[in-house]
Amino acid sequence: MELLKELGFFEAVEARRSVRIFDQESPFDHQIVKKCLEAAILSPNSSNLQLYQFIRIPESSSLKAPLANLCMRQKAAVTARELVVVVTRRDLWKSRADANYNYIKTTVQNQSEKKQKQALSYYGNLIPKLYSRFPGWTIIKKIIAWWVGLRRPMVREVSETDVRISVHKSAALASMTFMLGMKASGYDTCPMEGYDSKRVSNLLNLPKGSEICMIIGCGKGLPEGVYGERFRVESELLISEW
């Protein structure tokens, strides 16, 4: 088997490209995908709820070809040795909040009683207020945020759209960790947004309330899979210091 060169962090960041054509001949270690996904779940995420799921579709799966078709037959999907579907799971907020609550209550021993009560209140009281859904609740939350914000600093992003965005941000952070891990391990990836989300959801029988964040093609990239030199605007336009 071809030995893969492992890279350091900055080397991996510099070398990572969205590769759109993957090698079909060289060996591909699917265990590396598993290892990198396990690293990805260590990524920062909103309230430690981890409201996402990675669905692996290796080249041997009967779903690989139909999924590639639903990715508009992009070469990054068709030639991928494995596809990883990143799914947001807002619908799991109750079980994930309960898991955090029980962990703090039964496992964490190095916190003061005051800090433990605050953490338990966060997962037992505040999170349900933010994630609960019923008619008119978004308007009520926004009014509360506005009212409290008149007197002190207050989080303003409390609407249903804001919660949805937050969930997708957490999934995207984990996805980036995964892709950097793959590059550091000697493999390439391509995150894709071009897919029929409704048909992909039906194909994978995704639960109601879940959404697809992105689909990531994985493999050993071919040189022709990199479409041109990398271009980024000057860092001075993106980084400011006040």
Protein backbone atom coordinates (compact mmCIF):
# COMPACT_ATOMS: atom_id res chain seq x y z
CA MET A 1 0.00 0.00 0.00
CA GLU A 2 1.19 3.49 -0.83
CA LEU A 3 2.56 5.27 2.22
CA LEU A 4 0.69 8.50 2.87
CA LYS A 5 2.63 11.51 4.02
CA GLU A 6 1.23 13.00 7.21
CA LEU A 7 1.31 16.78 7.46
CA GLY A 8 1.51 19.23 10.33
CA PHE A 9 -1.28 21.70 10.93
CA PHE A 10 -0.04 24.65 8.90
CA GLU A 11 1.16 22.34 6.13
CA ALA A 12 -2.30 20.76 6.00
CA VAL A 13 -4.02 24.16 5.87
CA GLU A 14 -1.72 25.31 3.09
CA ALA A 15 -2.00 22.08 1.11
CA ARG A 16 -5.76 21.55 1.45
CA ARG A 17 -7.68 22.23 -1.75
CA SER A 18 -11.17 21.35 -2.89
CA VAL A 19 -10.26 18.44 -5.16
CA ARG A 20 -12.89 17.53 -7.73
CA ILE A 21 -11.41 14.38 -9.28
CA PHE A 22 -10.24 11.48 -7.14
CA ASP A 23 -7.92 8.59 -8.02
CA GLN A 24 -9.86 5.39 -8.70
CA GLU A 25 -6.84 3.08 -8.73
CA SER A 26 -4.75 3.74 -5.63
CA PRO A 27 -5.73 2.07 -2.33
CA PHE A 28 -8.01 4.05 -0.05
CA ASP A 29 -8.12 3.47 3.71
CA HIS A 30 -11.71 4.00 4.89
CA GLN A 31 -10.51 3.73 8.50
CA ILE A 32 -8.81 7.11 8.04
CA VAL A 33 -12.25 8.61 7.37
CA LYS A 34 -13.49 7.11 10.64
CA LYS A 35 -10.45 8.43 12.52
CA CYS A 36 -10.90 11.94 11.11
CA LEU A 37 -14.63 11.97 11.87
CA GLU A 38 -13.91 10.99 15.46
CA ALA A 39 -11.50 13.92 15.62
CA ALA A 40 -14.16 16.18 14.11
CA ILE A 41 -16.58 15.60 16.97
CA LEU A 42 -14.03 17.29 19.25
CA SER A 43 -14.68 20.55 17.40
CA PRO A 44 -16.26 23.49 19.23
CA ASN A 45 -20.04 23.57 18.94
CA SER A 46 -22.90 25.63 20.29
CA SER A 47 -23.72 24.74 23.91
CA ASN A 48 -21.95 21.39 23.46
CA LEU A 49 -25.17 20.00 21.97
CA GLN A 50 -23.45 18.51 18.88
CA LEU A 51 -26.61 18.79 16.81
CA TYR A 52 -25.16 17.12 13.73
CA GLN A 53 -24.59 13.69 12.28
CA PHE A 54 -22.11 12.30 9.77
CA ILE A 55 -23.50 9.69 7.38
CA ARG A 56 -20.80 7.69 5.60
CA ILE A 57 -21.46 6.34 2.10
CA PRO A 58 -18.40 4.33 0.98
CA GLU A 59 -17.83 3.37 -2.65
CA SER A 60 -19.08 -0.16 -1.91
CA SER A 61 -22.50 1.10 -0.76
CA SER A 62 -25.53 0.65 -3.01
CA LEU A 63 -26.38 4.27 -2.21
CA LYS A 64 -23.11 5.68 -3.58
CA ALA A 65 -24.17 5.91 -7.24
CA PRO A 66 -27.68 7.31 -6.63
CA LEU A 67 -26.26 9.83 -4.14
CA ALA A 68 -23.66 10.95 -6.69
CA ASN A 69 -26.46 11.39 -9.22
CA LEU A 70 -28.30 13.63 -6.74
CA CYS A 71 -25.11 15.68 -6.39
CA MET A 72 -25.71 16.70 -10.02
CA ARG A 73 -23.14 14.09 -11.04
CA GLN A 74 -20.31 16.37 -9.99
CA LYS A 75 -16.98 14.65 -10.56
CA ALA A 76 -16.17 15.20 -6.89
CA ALA A 77 -19.13 12.97 -6.06
CA VAL A 78 -18.90 10.43 -8.87
CA THR A 79 -15.17 9.74 -8.37
CA ALA A 80 -15.18 9.98 -4.55
CA ARG A 81 -14.06 6.86 -2.74
CA GLU A 82 -16.39 7.79 0.07
CA LEU A 83 -19.08 10.44 0.52
CA VAL A 84 -19.79 11.96 3.92
CA VAL A 85 -23.18 13.61 4.31
CA VAL A 86 -23.15 16.21 7.06
CA VAL A 87 -26.64 16.46 8.54
CA THR A 88 -27.87 18.97 11.11
CA ARG A 89 -30.03 17.44 13.84
CA ARG A 90 -31.86 20.29 15.54
CA ASP A 91 -34.54 17.72 16.39
CA LEU A 92 -32.18 16.05 18.90
CA TRP A 93 -31.78 19.08 21.17
CA LYS A 94 -33.72 17.55 24.08
CA SER A 95 -31.70 14.34 24.27
CA ARG A 96 -28.40 16.21 23.83
CA ALA A 97 -29.34 18.75 26.52
CA ASP A 98 -30.31 15.89 28.84
CA ALA A 99 -26.97 14.18 28.17
CA ASN A 100 -25.10 17.33 29.20
CA TYR A 101 -27.33 17.82 32.22
CA ASN A 102 -26.80 14.26 33.45
CA TYR A 103 -23.06 14.45 32.81
CA ILE A 104 -22.72 17.60 34.90
CA LYS A 105 -24.94 16.23 37.65
CA THR A 106 -23.36 12.79 37.97
CA THR A 107 -19.80 13.09 36.68
CA VAL A 108 -18.41 16.59 37.14
CA GLN A 109 -16.92 16.79 40.64
CA ASN A 110 -14.49 19.70 40.43
CA GLN A 111 -17.05 22.51 40.25
CA SER A 112 -18.34 24.62 43.09
CA GLU A 113 -21.97 24.12 44.03
CA LYS A 114 -22.80 27.52 42.56
CA LYS A 115 -21.18 26.76 39.20
CA GLN A 116 -22.85 23.37 39.02
CA LYS A 117 -26.27 24.93 39.67
CA GLN A 118 -25.61 27.49 36.94
CA ALA A 119 -24.63 24.77 34.46
CA LEU A 120 -27.64 22.64 35.35
CA SER A 121 -29.93 25.64 34.98
CA TYR A 122 -28.40 26.35 31.58
CA TYR A 123 -29.30 22.91 30.23
CA GLY A 124 -32.47 22.43 32.25
CA ASN A 125 -33.96 25.90 31.80
CA LEU A 126 -32.27 28.17 29.25
CA ILE A 127 -31.69 25.65 26.45
CA PRO A 128 -35.35 24.50 26.48
CA LYS A 129 -36.43 28.15 26.27
CA LEU A 130 -34.18 28.73 23.25
CA TYR A 131 -34.91 25.51 21.34
CA SER A 132 -38.59 24.93 22.12
CA ARG A 133 -41.01 25.43 19.26
CA PHE A 134 -44.63 26.53 19.42
CA PRO A 135 -46.68 29.20 17.64
CA GLY A 136 -45.59 32.74 18.45
CA TRP A 137 -42.60 31.67 20.55
CA THR A 138 -40.04 33.32 18.25
CA ILE A 139 -41.80 36.68 18.61
CA ILE A 140 -41.92 36.28 22.39
CA LYS A 141 -38.21 35.42 22.53
CA LYS A 142 -37.31 38.46 20.44
CA ILE A 143 -39.39 40.73 22.67
CA ILE A 144 -37.70 39.30 25.77
CA ALA A 145 -34.25 39.80 24.21
CA TRP A 146 -35.15 43.39 23.28
CA TRP A 147 -36.51 44.14 26.76
CA VAL A 148 -33.55 42.67 28.62
CA GLY A 149 -31.19 44.34 26.15
CA LEU A 150 -32.46 47.76 27.20
CA ARG A 151 -30.81 47.26 30.59
CA ARG A 152 -27.78 45.06 29.97
CA PRO A 153 -25.87 43.20 27.26
CA MET A 154 -28.09 40.48 25.85
CA VAL A 155 -27.86 37.86 23.13
CA ARG A 156 -30.14 39.07 20.34
CA GLU A 157 -29.99 36.03 18.04
CA VAL A 158 -32.90 34.06 19.52
CA SER A 159 -35.28 33.59 16.59
CA GLU A 160 -35.92 30.22 14.93
CA THR A 161 -33.75 31.32 12.00
CA ASP A 162 -30.95 32.26 14.41
CA VAL A 163 -31.12 28.84 16.07
CA ARG A 164 -31.01 27.14 12.66
CA ILE A 165 -27.95 29.16 11.67
CA SER A 166 -26.23 28.28 14.95
CA VAL A 167 -26.81 24.56 14.36
CA HIS A 168 -25.36 24.80 10.85
CA LYS A 169 -22.33 26.71 12.16
CA SER A 170 -21.54 23.89 14.57
CA ALA A 171 -21.85 21.32 11.78
CA ALA A 172 -19.59 23.42 9.55
CA LEU A 173 -16.92 23.72 12.26
CA ALA A 174 -16.86 19.93 12.63
CA SER A 175 -16.74 19.53 8.85
CA MET A 176 -13.68 21.75 8.57
CA THR A 177 -11.90 19.79 11.28
CA PHE A 178 -12.69 16.61 9.37
CA MET A 179 -11.34 17.98 6.08
CA LEU A 180 -8.13 19.22 7.67
CA GLY A 181 -7.72 15.85 9.35
CA MET A 182 -8.11 14.10 6.01
CA LYS A 183 -5.50 16.36 4.43
CA ALA A 184 -3.11 15.89 7.35
CA SER A 185 -3.55 12.13 6.82
CA GLY A 186 -2.63 12.34 3.14
CA TYR A 187 -6.11 12.40 1.57
CA ASP A 188 -8.20 15.06 -0.14
CA THR A 189 -11.78 16.27 0.14
CA CYS A 190 -14.32 18.44 -1.63
CA PRO A 191 -17.25 20.02 0.24
CA MET A 192 -20.31 20.26 -2.01
CA GLU A 193 -23.46 22.35 -1.83
CA GLY A 194 -24.75 21.37 -5.27
CA TYR A 195 -27.27 18.61 -4.55
CA ASP A 196 -31.02 18.00 -4.51
CA SER A 197 -31.59 18.24 -0.77
CA LYS A 198 -35.14 16.90 -0.88
CA ARG A 199 -34.21 13.80 -2.87
CA VAL A 200 -31.07 13.19 -0.79
CA SER A 201 -33.17 13.38 2.38
CA ASN A 202 -35.59 10.83 0.90
CA LEU A 203 -32.77 8.57 -0.28
CA LEU A 204 -31.21 8.49 3.19
CA ASN A 205 -34.58 8.46 4.97
CA LEU A 206 -33.56 11.44 7.08
CA PRO A 207 -35.87 12.37 9.97
CA LYS A 208 -38.13 15.39 9.80
CA GLY A 209 -36.37 18.48 11.14
CA SER A 210 -32.95 17.45 9.90
CA GLU A 211 -31.16 19.37 7.15
CA ILE A 212 -28.14 18.72 5.00
CA CYS A 213 -25.26 21.06 5.73
CA MET A 214 -22.93 19.78 3.02
CA ILE A 215 -21.78 16.60 1.31
CA ILE A 216 -18.04 15.90 1.34
CA GLY A 217 -16.28 13.83 -1.30
CA CYS A 218 -13.19 11.98 -0.07
CA GLY A 219 -10.29 10.29 -1.80
CA LYS A 220 -6.77 10.66 -3.10
CA GLY A 221 -6.90 13.67 -5.35
CA LEU A 222 -5.54 13.71 -8.87
CA PRO A 223 -3.61 16.77 -10.12
CA GLU A 224 -6.31 17.52 -12.68
CA GLY A 225 -8.83 17.59 -9.83
CA VAL A 226 -7.47 20.95 -8.67
CA TYR A 227 -9.04 23.56 -10.90
CA GLY A 228 -6.42 26.28 -11.15
CA GLU A 229 -4.21 28.13 -8.73
CA ARG A 230 -5.64 29.16 -5.39
CA PHE A 231 -6.89 32.75 -5.21
CA ARG A 232 -7.72 34.67 -2.07
CA VAL A 233 -8.13 38.42 -1.61
CA GLU A 234 -5.41 40.19 0.36
CA SER A 235 -5.40 39.36 4.06
CA GLU A 236 -5.59 43.09 4.86
CA LEU A 237 -9.13 43.08 3.53
CA LEU A 238 -10.13 40.23 5.84
CA ILE A 239 -8.18 40.89 9.04
CA SER A 240 -8.45 44.11 11.00
CA GLU A 241 -7.05 45.24 14.33
CA TRP A 242 -8.71 47.99 16.32
